[in-house]
Protein backbone atom coordinates (compact mmCIF):
# COMPACT_ATOMS: atom_id res chain seq x y z
CA SER A 1 129.46 159.66 101.59
CA ARG A 2 126.17 160.94 103.10
CA GLY A 3 125.49 159.91 106.70
CA LEU A 4 128.99 158.35 107.23
CA GLY A 5 129.17 159.76 110.63
CA ASP A 6 126.08 158.02 111.71
CA VAL A 7 127.35 154.78 110.28
CA TYR A 8 130.59 155.21 112.40
CA LYS A 9 128.44 155.93 115.59
CA ARG A 10 126.57 152.71 115.25
CA GLN A 11 129.73 150.39 114.41
CA GLY A 12 130.73 148.11 117.31
CA TYR A 13 129.19 146.05 119.97
CA TRP A 14 126.05 147.11 121.90
CA SER A 15 124.84 145.17 124.99
CA THR A 16 121.85 145.46 127.25
CA GLY A 17 123.89 144.07 130.14
CA ILE A 18 126.04 141.14 131.04
CA GLY A 19 124.29 139.11 133.81
CA GLY A 20 120.87 137.04 133.41
CA THR A 21 119.13 137.25 130.01
CA HIS A 22 120.66 140.02 127.80
CA LYS A 23 121.08 140.95 124.26
CA LEU A 24 124.03 141.93 122.07
CA LEU A 25 124.03 143.68 118.83
CA SER A 26 126.98 144.31 116.58
CA PHE A 27 127.61 146.37 113.52
CA ASP A 28 130.85 145.75 111.72
CA GLU A 29 132.62 148.08 109.23
CA ASP A 30 132.02 145.71 106.35
CA GLY A 31 128.33 146.05 106.42
CA THR A 32 127.55 142.77 108.30
CA GLY A 33 126.19 142.40 111.87
CA SER A 34 124.82 140.05 114.43
CA PHE A 35 122.18 139.85 117.13
CA GLY A 36 122.10 137.44 120.02
CA ILE A 37 120.09 136.76 123.12
CA TYR A 38 122.07 135.27 125.91
CA SER A 39 121.46 133.72 129.40
CA ASN A 40 124.72 134.65 131.15
CA ALA A 41 127.26 133.49 128.71
CA THR A 42 125.08 130.89 126.91
CA PRO A 43 123.46 131.86 123.55
CA ILE A 44 119.71 131.30 123.48
CA SER A 45 119.37 132.64 119.96
CA PHE A 46 121.77 134.02 117.37
CA GLN A 47 121.29 135.54 113.89
CA MET A 48 123.72 137.09 111.48
CA PHE A 49 122.76 139.81 108.91
CA ASP A 50 123.75 142.32 106.37
CA TYR A 51 122.90 146.07 107.01
CA LYS A 52 122.89 149.31 105.33
CA ILE A 53 121.89 152.88 106.46
CA GLU A 54 118.81 154.24 104.51
CA GLU A 55 117.75 157.83 105.37
CA GLY A 56 119.17 157.56 108.82
CA ARG A 57 117.68 154.17 109.66
CA ILE A 58 119.29 150.70 109.84
CA TYR A 59 118.05 148.45 107.13
CA ILE A 60 118.73 144.71 108.00
CA TYR A 61 118.62 141.98 105.21
CA ASP A 62 119.94 138.56 104.25
CA VAL A 63 119.17 137.35 107.83
CA TYR A 64 120.74 134.01 108.69
CA PRO A 65 119.59 131.37 109.95
CA ASP A 66 116.04 132.77 110.19
CA GLU A 67 115.76 133.95 106.60
CA LYS A 68 113.60 136.77 108.00
CA THR A 69 111.99 139.36 105.64
CA PRO A 70 114.27 142.35 105.57
CA TYR A 71 113.25 145.04 108.18
CA TYR A 72 114.16 148.38 109.56
CA LEU A 73 115.67 148.49 113.03
CA ASP A 74 113.63 151.09 114.80
CA CYS A 75 116.34 152.65 117.04
CA LYS A 76 117.77 155.90 118.30
CA ILE A 77 121.42 156.56 119.36
CA SER A 78 122.37 159.24 121.85
CA GLY A 79 125.90 159.08 122.87
CA THR A 80 126.82 155.62 124.04
CA THR A 81 123.26 154.40 124.36
CA LEU A 82 121.30 152.83 121.58
CA LYS A 83 117.48 152.27 122.08
CA VAL A 84 115.42 149.83 120.14
CA GLU A 85 111.73 150.29 120.38
CA THR A 86 110.24 147.29 118.76
CA GLY A 87 110.81 143.61 117.77
CA SER A 88 112.97 140.97 119.34
CA GLU A 89 115.88 143.44 119.66
CA ALA A 90 113.71 145.93 121.76
CA GLY A 91 115.89 147.23 124.71
CA THR A 92 118.34 149.85 125.91
CA TYR A 93 121.83 149.09 124.77
CA LYS A 94 125.32 150.48 125.97
CA LYS A 95 128.15 150.76 123.54
CA GLN A 96 130.80 148.22 124.60
CA LYS A 97 133.60 148.93 122.07
């Protein structure tokens, strides 16, 4: 299907670091994902969501527990780096696995 290569590149775990306050984004093969903000190993906030790729953009919906309005994740992927420009997810992430 169209854009499958892009989907594959996004799948997996992405992290802004491991020490101090950091963020973790995951995109699973089944179309679900999660976003967490951690202080060292302690979660500060955590949400789960469904996602799909629309015209090369990541569309996030059915967010739990916040029940946020669906939104597009404003991001760019280059190799093992994922950069998010806006929102609570903003930051530079490195692919973990």
